């Protein structure tokens, strides 16, 4: 990769990272008792490589004819039950799905008008509180998830 153009180097690193995340996610599925299938692998691969949370429709489009919609929906439910993925959204309307990794989290803005989901690119102050709670309570493996609801500029305008 030394003589590769920067974009090729970045793509190789991203591919290596997504391969590692896929292996780790499949191991989490195995530990949870989920059977490894081609459909499961493809759903995880698409969600890992996604630029942000995906709707069932966008996930189905990305998978093409590899999996039928009912299989995708059933697997999403199982993956959420076992904390491999995270379901976001305003109740059942416009549910979005994203990977859940044990060592990191993302916080989101969710529009109550159109259901769009946006990742917040800010330092999360709750992490300091989380450490304090852990220290004072003795709880370990503490985590949190923040979802802020409001009306996006498109719906407000």
C-alpha atoms as a PDB file:
ATOM      1  CA  UNK A   1       0.000   0.000   0.000  1.00  0.00           C
ATOM      2  CA  UNK A   2       3.012   2.325   0.272  1.00  0.00           C
ATOM      3  CA  UNK A   3       2.800   3.331  -3.407  1.00  0.00           C
ATOM      4  CA  UNK A   4      -0.979   3.374  -3.472  1.00  0.00           C
ATOM      5  CA  UNK A   5      -2.771   6.663  -4.005  1.00  0.00           C
ATOM      6  CA  UNK A   6      -4.272   8.069  -0.783  1.00  0.00           C
ATOM      7  CA  UNK A   7      -7.826   7.096  -1.750  1.00  0.00           C
ATOM      8  CA  UNK A   8      -6.758   3.481  -2.336  1.00  0.00           C
ATOM      9  CA  UNK A   9      -4.997   3.456   1.036  1.00  0.00           C
ATOM     10  CA  UNK A  10      -8.077   4.860   2.795  1.00  0.00           C
ATOM     11  CA  UNK A  11     -10.294   2.303   1.034  1.00  0.00           C
ATOM     12  CA  UNK A  12      -7.996  -0.555   2.120  1.00  0.00           C
ATOM     13  CA  UNK A  13      -8.005   0.655   5.734  1.00  0.00           C
ATOM     14  CA  UNK A  14     -11.795   1.057   5.683  1.00  0.00           C
ATOM     15  CA  UNK A  15     -12.151  -2.439   4.180  1.00  0.00           C
ATOM     16  CA  UNK A  16      -9.879  -3.862   6.888  1.00  0.00           C
ATOM     17  CA  UNK A  17     -11.877  -2.072   9.568  1.00  0.00           C
ATOM     18  CA  UNK A  18     -15.229  -3.216   8.176  1.00  0.00           C
ATOM     19  CA  UNK A  19     -13.930  -6.809   7.895  1.00  0.00           C
ATOM     20  CA  UNK A  20     -12.813  -6.681  11.547  1.00  0.00           C
ATOM     21  CA  UNK A  21     -16.158  -5.200  12.647  1.00  0.00           C
ATOM     22  CA  UNK A  22     -18.003  -7.898  10.692  1.00  0.00           C
ATOM     23  CA  UNK A  23     -15.968 -10.667  12.372  1.00  0.00           C
ATOM     24  CA  UNK A  24     -16.585  -9.126  15.813  1.00  0.00           C
ATOM     25  CA  UNK A  25     -20.311  -8.701  15.114  1.00  0.00           C
ATOM     26  CA  UNK A  26     -20.642 -12.281  13.869  1.00  0.00           C
ATOM     27  CA  UNK A  27     -18.912 -13.474  17.046  1.00  0.00           C
ATOM     28  CA  UNK A  28     -21.388 -11.453  19.141  1.00  0.00           C
ATOM     29  CA  UNK A  29     -24.227 -13.090  17.170  1.00  0.00           C
ATOM     30  CA  UNK A  30     -22.738 -16.557  17.739  1.00  0.00           C
ATOM     31  CA  UNK A  31     -22.400 -15.870  21.476  1.00  0.00           C
ATOM     32  CA  UNK A  32     -26.056 -14.748  21.529  1.00  0.00           C
ATOM     33  CA  UNK A  33     -27.099 -18.011  19.872  1.00  0.00           C
ATOM     34  CA  UNK A  34     -27.949 -16.547  16.464  1.00  0.00           C
ATOM     35  CA  UNK A  35     -27.301 -18.901  13.563  1.00  0.00           C
ATOM     36  CA  UNK A  36     -24.823 -17.613  10.979  1.00  0.00           C
ATOM     37  CA  UNK A  37     -26.561 -17.347   7.621  1.00  0.00           C
ATOM     38  CA  UNK A  38     -25.769 -15.550   4.388  1.00  0.00           C
ATOM     39  CA  UNK A  39     -28.664 -13.144   5.074  1.00  0.00           C
ATOM     40  CA  UNK A  40     -27.364 -12.334   8.560  1.00  0.00           C
ATOM     41  CA  UNK A  41     -23.866 -11.713   7.197  1.00  0.00           C
ATOM     42  CA  UNK A  42     -25.119  -9.450   4.418  1.00  0.00           C
ATOM     43  CA  UNK A  43     -27.329  -7.387   6.740  1.00  0.00           C
ATOM     44  CA  UNK A  44     -24.410  -6.859   9.123  1.00  0.00           C
ATOM     45  CA  UNK A  45     -22.061  -6.021   6.238  1.00  0.00           C
ATOM     46  CA  UNK A  46     -24.447  -3.382   4.840  1.00  0.00           C
ATOM     47  CA  UNK A  47     -25.085  -1.796   8.266  1.00  0.00           C
ATOM     48  CA  UNK A  48     -21.352  -1.732   9.075  1.00  0.00           C
ATOM     49  CA  UNK A  49     -20.530  -0.027   5.778  1.00  0.00           C
ATOM     50  CA  UNK A  50     -23.485   2.389   5.913  1.00  0.00           C
ATOM     51  CA  UNK A  51     -22.778   6.101   6.302  1.00  0.00           C
ATOM     52  CA  UNK A  52     -25.538   6.387   8.909  1.00  0.00           C
ATOM     53  CA  UNK A  53     -28.686   4.714  10.234  1.00  0.00           C
ATOM     54  CA  UNK A  54     -30.766   2.933   7.576  1.00  0.00           C
ATOM     55  CA  UNK A  55     -34.500   2.372   7.189  1.00  0.00           C
ATOM     56  CA  UNK A  56     -35.879  -1.064   6.376  1.00  0.00           C
ATOM     57  CA  UNK A  57     -36.517   0.202   2.842  1.00  0.00           C
ATOM     58  CA  UNK A  58     -32.972   1.514   2.316  1.00  0.00           C
ATOM     59  CA  UNK A  59     -31.500  -1.648   3.827  1.00  0.00           C
ATOM     60  CA  UNK A  60     -33.658  -3.781   1.522  1.00  0.00           C
ATOM     61  CA  UNK A  61     -32.537  -1.737  -1.489  1.00  0.00           C
ATOM     62  CA  UNK A  62     -28.867  -2.117  -0.516  1.00  0.00           C
ATOM     63  CA  UNK A  63     -29.305  -5.882  -0.140  1.00  0.00           C
ATOM     64  CA  UNK A  64     -31.096  -6.185  -3.488  1.00  0.00           C
ATOM     65  CA  UNK A  65     -32.422  -9.664  -4.155  1.00  0.00           C
ATOM     66  CA  UNK A  66     -30.057 -11.310  -1.638  1.00  0.00           C
ATOM     67  CA  UNK A  67     -32.744 -11.426   1.098  1.00  0.00           C
ATOM     68  CA  UNK A  68     -36.506 -11.039   1.088  1.00  0.00           C
ATOM     69  CA  UNK A  69     -38.015  -8.221   3.150  1.00  0.00           C
ATOM     70  CA  UNK A  70     -39.651 -10.547   5.707  1.00  0.00           C
ATOM     71  CA  UNK A  71     -36.308 -12.263   6.431  1.00  0.00           C
ATOM     72  CA  UNK A  72     -34.600  -8.893   6.807  1.00  0.00           C
ATOM     73  CA  UNK A  73     -37.296  -7.682   9.221  1.00  0.00           C
ATOM     74  CA  UNK A  74     -37.137 -10.861  11.341  1.00  0.00           C
ATOM     75  CA  UNK A  75     -33.336 -10.683  11.519  1.00  0.00           C
ATOM     76  CA  UNK A  76     -33.440  -7.001  12.497  1.00  0.00           C
ATOM     77  CA  UNK A  77     -35.757  -7.860  15.394  1.00  0.00           C
ATOM     78  CA  UNK A  78     -33.436 -10.658  16.568  1.00  0.00           C
ATOM     79  CA  UNK A  79     -30.321  -8.485  16.188  1.00  0.00           C
ATOM     80  CA  UNK A  80     -31.970  -5.723  18.216  1.00  0.00           C
ATOM     81  CA  UNK A  81     -33.084  -8.186  20.921  1.00  0.00           C
ATOM     82  CA  UNK A  82     -29.455  -9.287  21.303  1.00  0.00           C
ATOM     83  CA  UNK A  83     -28.075  -5.708  21.265  1.00  0.00           C
ATOM     84  CA  UNK A  84     -26.103  -6.205  18.054  1.00  0.00           C
ATOM     85  CA  UNK A  85     -27.964  -3.343  16.379  1.00  0.00           C
ATOM     86  CA  UNK A  86     -29.836  -0.308  17.642  1.00  0.00           C
ATOM     87  CA  UNK A  87     -33.300   0.731  16.473  1.00  0.00           C
ATOM     88  CA  UNK A  88     -33.888   4.467  16.300  1.00  0.00           C
ATOM     89  CA  UNK A  89     -36.979   6.421  15.526  1.00  0.00           C
ATOM     90  CA  UNK A  90     -40.133   8.042  16.691  1.00  0.00           C
ATOM     91  CA  UNK A  91     -42.126   4.994  17.804  1.00  0.00           C
ATOM     92  CA  UNK A  92     -42.710   2.662  14.822  1.00  0.00           C
ATOM     93  CA  UNK A  93     -42.697   5.470  12.310  1.00  0.00           C
ATOM     94  CA  UNK A  94     -39.630   5.597  10.101  1.00  0.00           C
ATOM     95  CA  UNK A  95     -37.542   3.218  12.202  1.00  0.00           C
ATOM     96  CA  UNK A  96     -33.837   3.381  11.418  1.00  0.00           C
ATOM     97  CA  UNK A  97     -31.247   0.744  12.245  1.00  0.00           C
ATOM     98  CA  UNK A  98     -27.564   1.117  13.023  1.00  0.00           C
ATOM     99  CA  UNK A  99     -24.818  -1.079  14.432  1.00  0.00           C
ATOM    100  CA  UNK A 100     -24.222  -1.107  18.177  1.00  0.00           C
ATOM    101  CA  UNK A 101     -20.599  -1.551  19.200  1.00  0.00           C
ATOM    102  CA  UNK A 102     -19.579  -2.325  22.792  1.00  0.00           C
ATOM    103  CA  UNK A 103     -16.773   0.250  22.818  1.00  0.00           C
ATOM    104  CA  UNK A 104     -18.537   3.282  21.356  1.00  0.00           C
ATOM    105  CA  UNK A 105     -21.854   5.020  20.971  1.00  0.00           C
ATOM    106  CA  UNK A 106     -23.523   7.686  18.890  1.00  0.00           C
ATOM    107  CA  UNK A 107     -26.236  10.120  19.901  1.00  0.00           C
ATOM    108  CA  UNK A 108     -28.990  11.195  17.510  1.00  0.00           C
ATOM    109  CA  UNK A 109     -31.452  13.937  16.563  1.00  0.00           C
ATOM    110  CA  UNK A 110     -34.791  12.547  15.386  1.00  0.00           C
ATOM    111  CA  UNK A 111     -37.410  14.653  13.606  1.00  0.00           C
ATOM    112  CA  UNK A 112     -40.933  14.170  14.944  1.00  0.00           C
ATOM    113  CA  UNK A 113     -42.294  15.500  11.656  1.00  0.00           C
ATOM    114  CA  UNK A 114     -40.657  13.383   8.955  1.00  0.00           C
ATOM    115  CA  UNK A 115     -38.810  10.796  11.055  1.00  0.00           C
ATOM    116  CA  UNK A 116     -35.355  11.654   9.711  1.00  0.00           C
ATOM    117  CA  UNK A 117     -32.405  10.644  11.892  1.00  0.00           C
ATOM    118  CA  UNK A 118     -29.173  12.599  12.203  1.00  0.00           C
ATOM    119  CA  UNK A 119     -26.055  11.601  14.113  1.00  0.00           C
ATOM    120  CA  UNK A 120     -24.790  14.241  16.547  1.00  0.00           C
ATOM    121  CA  UNK A 121     -21.139  15.049  15.977  1.00  0.00           C
ATOM    122  CA  UNK A 122     -20.426  16.490  19.414  1.00  0.00           C
ATOM    123  CA  UNK A 123     -18.515  15.475  22.516  1.00  0.00           C
ATOM    124  CA  UNK A 124     -20.990  13.767  24.812  1.00  0.00           C
ATOM    125  CA  UNK A 125     -20.898  15.244  28.339  1.00  0.00           C
ATOM    126  CA  UNK A 126     -22.839  12.261  29.694  1.00  0.00           C
ATOM    127  CA  UNK A 127     -19.651  10.156  29.506  1.00  0.00           C
ATOM    128  CA  UNK A 128     -18.229  12.113  32.480  1.00  0.00           C
ATOM    129  CA  UNK A 129     -21.446  11.488  34.427  1.00  0.00           C
ATOM    130  CA  UNK A 130     -21.306   7.823  33.425  1.00  0.00           C
ATOM    131  CA  UNK A 131     -17.805   7.437  34.929  1.00  0.00           C
ATOM    132  CA  UNK A 132     -18.915   9.189  38.126  1.00  0.00           C
ATOM    133  CA  UNK A 133     -21.996   6.970  38.449  1.00  0.00           C
ATOM    134  CA  UNK A 134     -19.863   3.882  37.890  1.00  0.00           C
ATOM    135  CA  UNK A 135     -17.339   5.022  40.488  1.00  0.00           C
ATOM    136  CA  UNK A 136     -20.004   5.851  43.099  1.00  0.00           C
ATOM    137  CA  UNK A 137     -22.331   2.905  42.508  1.00  0.00           C
ATOM    138  CA  UNK A 138     -19.954   0.067  41.706  1.00  0.00           C
ATOM    139  CA  UNK A 139     -21.832  -0.631  38.480  1.00  0.00           C
ATOM    140  CA  UNK A 140     -19.607  -1.762  35.620  1.00  0.00           C
ATOM    141  CA  UNK A 141     -20.030  -1.774  31.836  1.00  0.00           C
ATOM    142  CA  UNK A 142     -22.254   1.293  32.105  1.00  0.00           C
ATOM    143  CA  UNK A 143     -23.526   2.781  28.856  1.00  0.00           C
ATOM    144  CA  UNK A 144     -26.122   5.253  27.700  1.00  0.00           C
ATOM    145  CA  UNK A 145     -28.003   6.161  24.553  1.00  0.00           C
ATOM    146  CA  UNK A 146     -29.294   9.625  23.791  1.00  0.00           C
ATOM    147  CA  UNK A 147     -32.001  10.416  21.289  1.00  0.00           C
ATOM    148  CA  UNK A 148     -33.136  14.015  21.022  1.00  0.00           C
ATOM    149  CA  UNK A 149     -36.514  14.653  19.403  1.00  0.00           C
ATOM    150  CA  UNK A 150     -37.556  17.824  17.649  1.00  0.00           C
ATOM    151  CA  UNK A 151     -38.635  19.288  14.320  1.00  0.00           C
ATOM    152  CA  UNK A 152     -35.977  19.446  11.588  1.00  0.00           C
ATOM    153  CA  UNK A 153     -35.415  22.660   9.570  1.00  0.00           C
ATOM    154  CA  UNK A 154     -37.187  21.185   6.502  1.00  0.00           C
ATOM    155  CA  UNK A 155     -40.350  20.368   8.479  1.00  0.00           C
ATOM    156  CA  UNK A 156     -40.235  23.639  10.450  1.00  0.00           C
ATOM    157  CA  UNK A 157     -39.838  25.794   7.358  1.00  0.00           C
END
